[in-house]
Amino acid sequence: MKEQILLLVKLQDIDSEIKRLAARKDDLPEEKERLEEERVSFEQGIEEDKERLDVLNQAHSDKEKELRGNIESAKKTKNRLLEVKTNKEYEAMLKEIENINKKNSSIEDEIINLLEETEKAGTTLKEREAERVEYIKNNERNITKIDEEIDSIDVLLKKMLAEDAKCREIIKPELIKKYDLIKEKRNGQAVVPVWKEVCGGCHMNIPPQLYIELQKYEKVRLCPNCNRIIYWEDRENND
């Protein structure tokens, strides 16, 4: 019976590994998708930086054009001062020139601010573009690793499933039936170790007499608390 109990332990280890590998395989496509989305977001960020720089350059160009137009308008108004015939017209033109100069002063301030923003945007864009090559390289390398891990898991799963089938052929049918029923009810964990009278599944104490019997490996026994198959694990002599 000891051999059968140890085979159940081995089967549990195999099934636990199969479950872990399957869960990992399910997670990997999401990780790959996240990396792909991050790359798209990174590329979009660069494009947005380029668009912002273009907008700032265009705004600067428009303001420069507006300033030149206002300066020309002020010159023409000054030339017309020589042609006015009344004080009222003269004062009106002086007021017009003053307003143009105030507006030009405001435009010049805007141009200075735009130049500062343009410089910052240009610096940011250069930094992002400098990072791009290395970022894309790392991103593609990580995606490749995920693809390789998926392939590796497929190989391991095939191997573990073969071992699972081989193990089930050796274990008695009635024990396999009991094992599968418990595994389904206990979230995949049907066989657990016991050490120092504590069940490794529910972490509750088992009766002292049951603990003694476990060490003899004479019969498949269940935890009286969680109903899992239990076996004695000698942790003092395990490496």
C-alpha atoms as a PDB file:
ATOM      1  CA  MET A   1       0.000   0.000   0.000  1.00  0.00           C
ATOM      2  CA  LYS A   2       2.915   2.328   0.638  1.00  0.00           C
ATOM      3  CA  GLU A   3       3.774   2.226  -3.048  1.00  0.00           C
ATOM      4  CA  GLN A   4       0.198   3.179  -3.963  1.00  0.00           C
ATOM      5  CA  ILE A   5       0.199   6.060  -1.471  1.00  0.00           C
ATOM      6  CA  LEU A   6       3.494   7.365  -2.813  1.00  0.00           C
ATOM      7  CA  LEU A   7       2.118   7.081  -6.350  1.00  0.00           C
ATOM      8  CA  LEU A   8      -0.853   9.205  -5.266  1.00  0.00           C
ATOM      9  CA  VAL A   9       1.609  11.752  -3.898  1.00  0.00           C
ATOM     10  CA  LYS A  10       3.462  11.713  -7.192  1.00  0.00           C
ATOM     11  CA  LEU A  11       0.201  12.055  -9.127  1.00  0.00           C
ATOM     12  CA  GLN A  12      -0.750  15.056  -7.020  1.00  0.00           C
ATOM     13  CA  ASP A  13       2.634  16.682  -7.733  1.00  0.00           C
ATOM     14  CA  ILE A  14       2.166  16.066 -11.444  1.00  0.00           C
ATOM     15  CA  ASP A  15      -1.388  17.434 -11.469  1.00  0.00           C
ATOM     16  CA  SER A  16      -0.346  20.487  -9.445  1.00  0.00           C
ATOM     17  CA  GLU A  17       2.418  21.201 -11.964  1.00  0.00           C
ATOM     18  CA  ILE A  18       0.004  20.733 -14.868  1.00  0.00           C
ATOM     19  CA  LYS A  19      -2.383  23.195 -13.229  1.00  0.00           C
ATOM     20  CA  ARG A  20       0.433  25.693 -12.651  1.00  0.00           C
ATOM     21  CA  LEU A  21       1.682  25.416 -16.235  1.00  0.00           C
ATOM     22  CA  ALA A  22      -1.822  25.746 -17.658  1.00  0.00           C
ATOM     23  CA  ALA A  23      -2.482  28.841 -15.552  1.00  0.00           C
ATOM     24  CA  ARG A  24       0.821  30.360 -16.657  1.00  0.00           C
ATOM     25  CA  LYS A  25       0.011  29.608 -20.286  1.00  0.00           C
ATOM     26  CA  ASP A  26      -3.345  31.373 -19.869  1.00  0.00           C
ATOM     27  CA  ASP A  27      -1.626  34.454 -18.403  1.00  0.00           C
ATOM     28  CA  LEU A  28       1.062  34.797 -21.078  1.00  0.00           C
ATOM     29  CA  PRO A  29      -1.171  36.036 -23.944  1.00  0.00           C
ATOM     30  CA  GLU A  30      -2.381  38.848 -21.675  1.00  0.00           C
ATOM     31  CA  GLU A  31       1.213  39.777 -20.877  1.00  0.00           C
ATOM     32  CA  LYS A  32       2.037  39.765 -24.582  1.00  0.00           C
ATOM     33  CA  GLU A  33      -0.992  41.919 -25.356  1.00  0.00           C
ATOM     34  CA  ARG A  34       0.015  44.357 -22.603  1.00  0.00           C
ATOM     35  CA  LEU A  35       3.510  44.675 -24.071  1.00  0.00           C
ATOM     36  CA  GLU A  36       2.071  45.260 -27.535  1.00  0.00           C
ATOM     37  CA  GLU A  37      -0.307  47.911 -26.174  1.00  0.00           C
ATOM     38  CA  GLU A  38       2.562  49.604 -24.332  1.00  0.00           C
ATOM     39  CA  ARG A  39       4.539  49.751 -27.568  1.00  0.00           C
ATOM     40  CA  VAL A  40       1.599  51.276 -29.445  1.00  0.00           C
ATOM     41  CA  SER A  41       1.143  53.784 -26.623  1.00  0.00           C
ATOM     42  CA  PHE A  42       4.852  54.658 -26.737  1.00  0.00           C
ATOM     43  CA  GLU A  43       4.723  55.212 -30.505  1.00  0.00           C
ATOM     44  CA  GLN A  44       1.552  57.265 -30.154  1.00  0.00           C
ATOM     45  CA  GLY A  45       3.278  59.373 -27.496  1.00  0.00           C
ATOM     46  CA  ILE A  46       6.065  60.208 -29.950  1.00  0.00           C
ATOM     47  CA  GLU A  47       3.539  61.103 -32.647  1.00  0.00           C
ATOM     48  CA  GLU A  48       1.663  63.326 -30.191  1.00  0.00           C
ATOM     49  CA  ASP A  49       4.947  65.034 -29.263  1.00  0.00           C
ATOM     50  CA  LYS A  50       5.619  65.635 -32.970  1.00  0.00           C
ATOM     51  CA  GLU A  51       2.130  67.044 -33.481  1.00  0.00           C
ATOM     52  CA  ARG A  52       2.512  69.322 -30.460  1.00  0.00           C
ATOM     53  CA  LEU A  53       5.828  70.610 -31.792  1.00  0.00           C
ATOM     54  CA  ASP A  54       4.246  71.230 -35.194  1.00  0.00           C
ATOM     55  CA  VAL A  55       1.365  73.130 -33.568  1.00  0.00           C
ATOM     56  CA  LEU A  56       3.780  75.276 -31.543  1.00  0.00           C
ATOM     57  CA  ASN A  57       5.927  76.021 -34.599  1.00  0.00           C
ATOM     58  CA  GLN A  58       2.846  76.980 -36.581  1.00  0.00           C
ATOM     59  CA  ALA A  59       1.574  79.171 -33.729  1.00  0.00           C
ATOM     60  CA  HIS A  60       4.986  80.865 -33.539  1.00  0.00           C
ATOM     61  CA  SER A  61       4.977  81.440 -37.285  1.00  0.00           C
ATOM     62  CA  ASP A  62       1.442  82.885 -37.146  1.00  0.00           C
ATOM     63  CA  LYS A  63       2.379  85.249 -34.320  1.00  0.00           C
ATOM     64  CA  GLU A  64       5.503  86.394 -36.144  1.00  0.00           C
ATOM     65  CA  LYS A  65       3.402  87.086 -39.223  1.00  0.00           C
ATOM     66  CA  GLU A  66       0.829  88.942 -37.144  1.00  0.00           C
ATOM     67  CA  LEU A  67       3.574  91.016 -35.503  1.00  0.00           C
ATOM     68  CA  ARG A  68       5.095  91.940 -38.856  1.00  0.00           C
ATOM     69  CA  GLY A  69       1.666  92.960 -40.120  1.00  0.00           C
ATOM     70  CA  ASN A  70       1.066  95.143 -37.091  1.00  0.00           C
ATOM     71  CA  ILE A  71       4.483  96.791 -37.393  1.00  0.00           C
ATOM     72  CA  GLU A  72       3.761  97.578 -41.032  1.00  0.00           C
ATOM     73  CA  SER A  73       0.346  98.927 -40.100  1.00  0.00           C
ATOM     74  CA  ALA A  74       1.906 101.148 -37.424  1.00  0.00           C
ATOM     75  CA  LYS A  75       4.406 102.505 -39.988  1.00  0.00           C
ATOM     76  CA  LYS A  76       1.634 103.366 -42.407  1.00  0.00           C
ATOM     77  CA  THR A  77      -0.318 105.085 -39.669  1.00  0.00           C
ATOM     78  CA  LYS A  78       2.738 107.133 -38.689  1.00  0.00           C
ATOM     79  CA  ASN A  79       3.208 108.191 -42.323  1.00  0.00           C
ATOM     80  CA  ARG A  80      -0.390 109.344 -42.448  1.00  0.00           C
ATOM     81  CA  LEU A  81       0.229 111.625 -39.476  1.00  0.00           C
ATOM     82  CA  LEU A  82       1.821 114.088 -41.903  1.00  0.00           C
ATOM     83  CA  GLU A  83      -1.397 114.235 -43.879  1.00  0.00           C
ATOM     84  CA  VAL A  84      -3.888 114.943 -41.078  1.00  0.00           C
ATOM     85  CA  LYS A  85      -5.444 118.403 -40.914  1.00  0.00           C
ATOM     86  CA  THR A  86      -7.097 118.460 -37.495  1.00  0.00           C
ATOM     87  CA  ASN A  87      -6.008 117.793 -33.937  1.00  0.00           C
ATOM     88  CA  LYS A  88      -8.847 115.327 -33.547  1.00  0.00           C
ATOM     89  CA  GLU A  89      -7.592 113.209 -36.436  1.00  0.00           C
ATOM     90  CA  TYR A  90      -4.036 113.477 -35.129  1.00  0.00           C
ATOM     91  CA  GLU A  91      -5.035 112.297 -31.648  1.00  0.00           C
ATOM     92  CA  ALA A  92      -7.056 109.448 -33.139  1.00  0.00           C
ATOM     93  CA  MET A  93      -4.064 108.251 -35.129  1.00  0.00           C
ATOM     94  CA  LEU A  94      -1.792 108.505 -32.101  1.00  0.00           C
ATOM     95  CA  LYS A  95      -4.320 106.400 -30.191  1.00  0.00           C
ATOM     96  CA  GLU A  96      -4.380 103.857 -33.011  1.00  0.00           C
ATOM     97  CA  ILE A  97      -0.569 103.641 -33.001  1.00  0.00           C
ATOM     98  CA  GLU A  98      -0.577 103.241 -29.208  1.00  0.00           C
ATOM     99  CA  ASN A  99      -3.093 100.390 -29.434  1.00  0.00           C
ATOM    100  CA  ILE A 100      -1.025  98.686 -32.126  1.00  0.00           C
ATOM    101  CA  ASN A 101       2.107  98.998 -29.995  1.00  0.00           C
ATOM    102  CA  LYS A 102       0.299  97.540 -26.965  1.00  0.00           C
ATOM    103  CA  LYS A 103      -0.940  94.668 -29.065  1.00  0.00           C
ATOM    104  CA  ASN A 104       2.549  94.112 -30.458  1.00  0.00           C
ATOM    105  CA  SER A 105       3.981  94.039 -26.951  1.00  0.00           C
ATOM    106  CA  SER A 106       1.462  91.364 -26.005  1.00  0.00           C
ATOM    107  CA  ILE A 107       2.272  89.391 -29.172  1.00  0.00           C
ATOM    108  CA  GLU A 108       5.997  89.606 -28.419  1.00  0.00           C
ATOM    109  CA  ASP A 109       5.332  88.136 -24.952  1.00  0.00           C
ATOM    110  CA  GLU A 110       3.334  85.331 -26.579  1.00  0.00           C
ATOM    111  CA  ILE A 111       6.175  84.704 -29.030  1.00  0.00           C
ATOM    112  CA  ILE A 112       8.683  84.452 -26.169  1.00  0.00           C
ATOM    113  CA  ASN A 113       6.422  81.958 -24.369  1.00  0.00           C
ATOM    114  CA  LEU A 114       5.947  79.978 -27.574  1.00  0.00           C
ATOM    115  CA  LEU A 115       9.705  79.842 -28.118  1.00  0.00           C
ATOM    116  CA  GLU A 116      10.172  78.443 -24.594  1.00  0.00           C
ATOM    117  CA  GLU A 117       7.408  75.875 -25.090  1.00  0.00           C
ATOM    118  CA  THR A 118       8.793  74.951 -28.511  1.00  0.00           C
ATOM    119  CA  GLU A 119      12.243  74.418 -27.059  1.00  0.00           C
ATOM    120  CA  LYS A 120      10.882  72.203 -24.284  1.00  0.00           C
ATOM    121  CA  ALA A 121       8.723  70.232 -26.731  1.00  0.00           C
ATOM    122  CA  GLY A 122      11.692  69.781 -29.056  1.00  0.00           C
ATOM    123  CA  THR A 123      13.881  68.536 -26.218  1.00  0.00           C
ATOM    124  CA  THR A 124      11.179  66.107 -25.075  1.00  0.00           C
ATOM    125  CA  LEU A 125      10.748  64.786 -28.609  1.00  0.00           C
ATOM    126  CA  LYS A 126      14.499  64.267 -29.062  1.00  0.00           C
ATOM    127  CA  GLU A 127      14.677  62.376 -25.756  1.00  0.00           C
ATOM    128  CA  ARG A 128      11.724  60.152 -26.685  1.00  0.00           C
ATOM    129  CA  GLU A 129      13.156  59.436 -30.126  1.00  0.00           C
ATOM    130  CA  ALA A 130      16.528  58.633 -28.552  1.00  0.00           C
ATOM    131  CA  GLU A 131      14.799  56.151 -26.224  1.00  0.00           C
ATOM    132  CA  ARG A 132      12.747  54.637 -29.043  1.00  0.00           C
ATOM    133  CA  VAL A 133      15.351  52.252 -30.499  1.00  0.00           C
ATOM    134  CA  GLU A 134      16.261  50.712 -27.133  1.00  0.00           C
ATOM    135  CA  TYR A 135      12.625  50.621 -26.014  1.00  0.00           C
ATOM    136  CA  ILE A 136      11.472  48.815 -29.164  1.00  0.00           C
ATOM    137  CA  LYS A 137      14.380  46.374 -28.892  1.00  0.00           C
ATOM    138  CA  ASN A 138      13.486  45.505 -25.273  1.00  0.00           C
ATOM    139  CA  ASN A 139       9.800  45.308 -26.089  1.00  0.00           C
ATOM    140  CA  GLU A 140      10.369  42.902 -28.969  1.00  0.00           C
ATOM    141  CA  ARG A 141      12.801  40.840 -26.878  1.00  0.00           C
ATOM    142  CA  ASN A 142      10.213  40.471 -24.099  1.00  0.00           C
ATOM    143  CA  ILE A 143       7.519  39.469 -26.579  1.00  0.00           C
ATOM    144  CA  THR A 144       9.862  36.873 -28.075  1.00  0.00           C
ATOM    145  CA  LYS A 145      10.536  35.501 -24.585  1.00  0.00           C
ATOM    146  CA  ILE A 146       6.802  35.101 -24.034  1.00  0.00           C
ATOM    147  CA  ASP A 147       6.408  33.216 -27.320  1.00  0.00           C
ATOM    148  CA  GLU A 148       9.332  30.984 -26.379  1.00  0.00           C
ATOM    149  CA  GLU A 149       7.867  30.365 -22.917  1.00  0.00           C
ATOM    150  CA  ILE A 150       4.518  29.390 -24.441  1.00  0.00           C
ATOM    151  CA  ASP A 151       6.294  26.868 -26.687  1.00  0.00           C
ATOM    152  CA  SER A 152       8.275  25.577 -23.707  1.00  0.00           C
ATOM    153  CA  ILE A 153       5.114  25.174 -21.642  1.00  0.00           C
ATOM    154  CA  ASP A 154       3.473  23.219 -24.454  1.00  0.00           C
ATOM    155  CA  VAL A 155       6.402  20.785 -24.425  1.00  0.00           C
ATOM    156  CA  LEU A 156       6.319  20.479 -20.630  1.00  0.00           C
ATOM    157  CA  LEU A 157       2.553  20.029 -20.558  1.00  0.00           C
ATOM    158  CA  LYS A 158       2.799  17.208 -23.085  1.00  0.00           C
ATOM    159  CA  LYS A 159       5.460  15.534 -20.961  1.00  0.00           C
ATOM    160  CA  MET A 160       3.523  15.997 -17.699  1.00  0.00           C
ATOM    161  CA  LEU A 161       0.289  14.717 -19.201  1.00  0.00           C
ATOM    162  CA  ALA A 162       2.125  11.594 -20.366  1.00  0.00           C
ATOM    163  CA  GLU A 163       3.513  11.086 -16.851  1.00  0.00           C
ATOM    164  CA  ASP A 164       0.032  11.663 -15.425  1.00  0.00           C
ATOM    165  CA  ALA A 165      -1.435   8.978 -17.666  1.00  0.00           C
ATOM    166  CA  LYS A 166       1.399   6.552 -16.835  1.00  0.00           C
ATOM    167  CA  CYS A 167       0.923   7.119 -13.125  1.00  0.00           C
ATOM    168  CA  ARG A 168      -2.834   6.532 -13.346  1.00  0.00           C
ATOM    169  CA  GLU A 169      -2.254   3.194 -15.065  1.00  0.00           C
ATOM    170  CA  ILE A 170      -0.343   1.925 -12.022  1.00  0.00           C
ATOM    171  CA  ILE A 171      -2.627   3.243  -9.295  1.00  0.00           C
ATOM    172  CA  LYS A 172      -5.635   1.121  -8.378  1.00  0.00           C
ATOM    173  CA  PRO A 173      -8.883   2.290 -10.074  1.00  0.00           C
ATOM    174  CA  GLU A 174     -10.736   2.742  -6.784  1.00  0.00           C
ATOM    175  CA  LEU A 175      -7.977   5.018  -5.505  1.00  0.00           C
ATOM    176  CA  ILE A 176      -7.991   7.032  -8.744  1.00  0.00           C
ATOM    177  CA  LYS A 177     -11.745   7.472  -8.412  1.00  0.00           C
ATOM    178  CA  LYS A 178     -11.394   8.670  -4.818  1.00  0.00           C
ATOM    179  CA  TYR A 179      -8.494  10.940  -5.769  1.00  0.00           C
ATOM    180  CA  ASP A 180     -10.399  12.580  -8.642  1.00  0.00           C
ATOM    181  CA  LEU A 181     -13.515  13.167  -6.535  1.00  0.00           C
ATOM    182  CA  ILE A 182     -11.536  14.842  -3.767  1.00  0.00           C
ATOM    183  CA  LYS A 183      -9.477  16.842  -6.254  1.00  0.00           C
ATOM    184  CA  GLU A 184     -12.616  18.243  -7.844  1.00  0.00           C
ATOM    185  CA  LYS A 185     -14.065  19.262  -4.471  1.00  0.00           C
ATOM    186  CA  ARG A 186     -10.809  20.673  -3.091  1.00  0.00           C
ATOM    187  CA  ASN A 187      -9.692  22.922  -5.932  1.00  0.00           C
ATOM    188  CA  GLY A 188      -7.243  20.446  -7.380  1.00  0.00           C
ATOM    189  CA  GLN A 189      -5.581  19.456  -4.105  1.00  0.00           C
ATOM    190  CA  ALA A 190      -6.532  15.898  -3.159  1.00  0.00           C
ATOM    191  CA  VAL A 191      -3.322  14.700  -1.474  1.00  0.00           C
ATOM    192  CA  VAL A 192      -1.544  16.692   1.251  1.00  0.00           C
ATOM    193  CA  PRO A 193       1.288  15.947   3.693  1.00  0.00           C
ATOM    194  CA  VAL A 194       1.013  15.755   7.448  1.00  0.00           C
ATOM    195  CA  TRP A 195       3.848  16.725   9.763  1.00  0.00           C
ATOM    196  CA  LYS A 196       3.770  16.901  13.539  1.00  0.00           C
ATOM    197  CA  GLU A 197       0.048  16.040  13.515  1.00  0.00           C
ATOM    198  CA  VAL A 198      -0.850  19.074  11.334  1.00  0.00           C
ATOM    199  CA  CYS A 199      -2.622  18.603   8.004  1.00  0.00           C
ATOM    200  CA  GLY A 200      -0.947  20.443   5.147  1.00  0.00           C
ATOM    201  CA  GLY A 201      -4.307  21.086   3.492  1.00  0.00           C
ATOM    202  CA  CYS A 202      -6.524  22.586   6.205  1.00  0.00           C
ATOM    203  CA  HIS A 203      -3.698  23.204   8.742  1.00  0.00           C
ATOM    204  CA  MET A 204      -5.732  21.572  11.476  1.00  0.00           C
ATOM    205  CA  ASN A 205      -4.449  18.996  13.969  1.00  0.00           C
ATOM    206  CA  ILE A 206      -5.257  15.343  13.392  1.00  0.00           C
ATOM    207  CA  PRO A 207      -5.666  12.773  16.195  1.00  0.00           C
ATOM    208  CA  PRO A 208      -2.346  11.416  17.574  1.00  0.00           C
ATOM    209  CA  GLN A 209      -3.339   7.831  16.838  1.00  0.00           C
ATOM    210  CA  LEU A 210      -4.082   8.670  13.187  1.00  0.00           C
ATOM    211  CA  TYR A 211      -0.686  10.351  12.931  1.00  0.00           C
ATOM    212  CA  ILE A 212       0.989   7.159  14.172  1.00  0.00           C
ATOM    213  CA  GLU A 213      -0.964   5.055  11.681  1.00  0.00           C
ATOM    214  CA  LEU A 214      -0.015   7.348   8.834  1.00  0.00           C
ATOM    215  CA  GLN A 215       3.642   6.599   9.393  1.00  0.00           C
ATOM    216  CA  LYS A 216       3.027   2.897   8.778  1.00  0.00           C
ATOM    217  CA  TYR A 217       1.652   3.476   5.240  1.00  0.00           C
ATOM    218  CA  GLU A 218      -0.735   0.562   5.683  1.00  0.00           C
ATOM    219  CA  LYS A 219      -3.879   2.247   4.396  1.00  0.00           C
ATOM    220  CA  VAL A 220      -5.009   5.324   2.471  1.00  0.00           C
ATOM    221  CA  ARG A 221      -6.380   7.662   5.098  1.00  0.00           C
ATOM    222  CA  LEU A 222      -8.304  10.929   4.975  1.00  0.00           C
ATOM    223  CA  CYS A 223      -7.998  14.041   7.085  1.00  0.00           C
ATOM    224  CA  PRO A 224     -10.945  14.080   9.493  1.00  0.00           C
ATOM    225  CA  ASN A 225     -11.245  17.842   9.000  1.00  0.00           C
ATOM    226  CA  CYS A 226     -10.935  18.478   5.231  1.00  0.00           C
ATOM    227  CA  ASN A 227     -11.357  14.910   3.900  1.00  0.00           C
ATOM    228  CA  ARG A 228      -8.239  15.080   1.762  1.00  0.00           C
ATOM    229  CA  ILE A 229      -5.954  12.081   1.331  1.00  0.00           C
ATOM    230  CA  ILE A 230      -3.110  12.518   3.813  1.00  0.00           C
ATOM    231  CA  TYR A 231       0.330  11.000   4.116  1.00  0.00           C
ATOM    232  CA  TRP A 232       3.197  11.318   6.550  1.00  0.00           C
ATOM    233  CA  GLU A 233       6.028  13.568   5.401  1.00  0.00           C
ATOM    234  CA  ASP A 234       9.281  13.075   7.279  1.00  0.00           C
ATOM    235  CA  ARG A 235      10.702  16.599   7.084  1.00  0.00           C
ATOM    236  CA  GLU A 236      13.565  15.879   9.458  1.00  0.00           C
ATOM    237  CA  ASN A 237      15.174  13.422   7.049  1.00  0.00           C
ATOM    238  CA  ASN A 238      14.243  15.294   3.826  1.00  0.00           C
ATOM    239  CA  ASP A 239      16.898  17.441   2.161  1.00  0.00           C
END
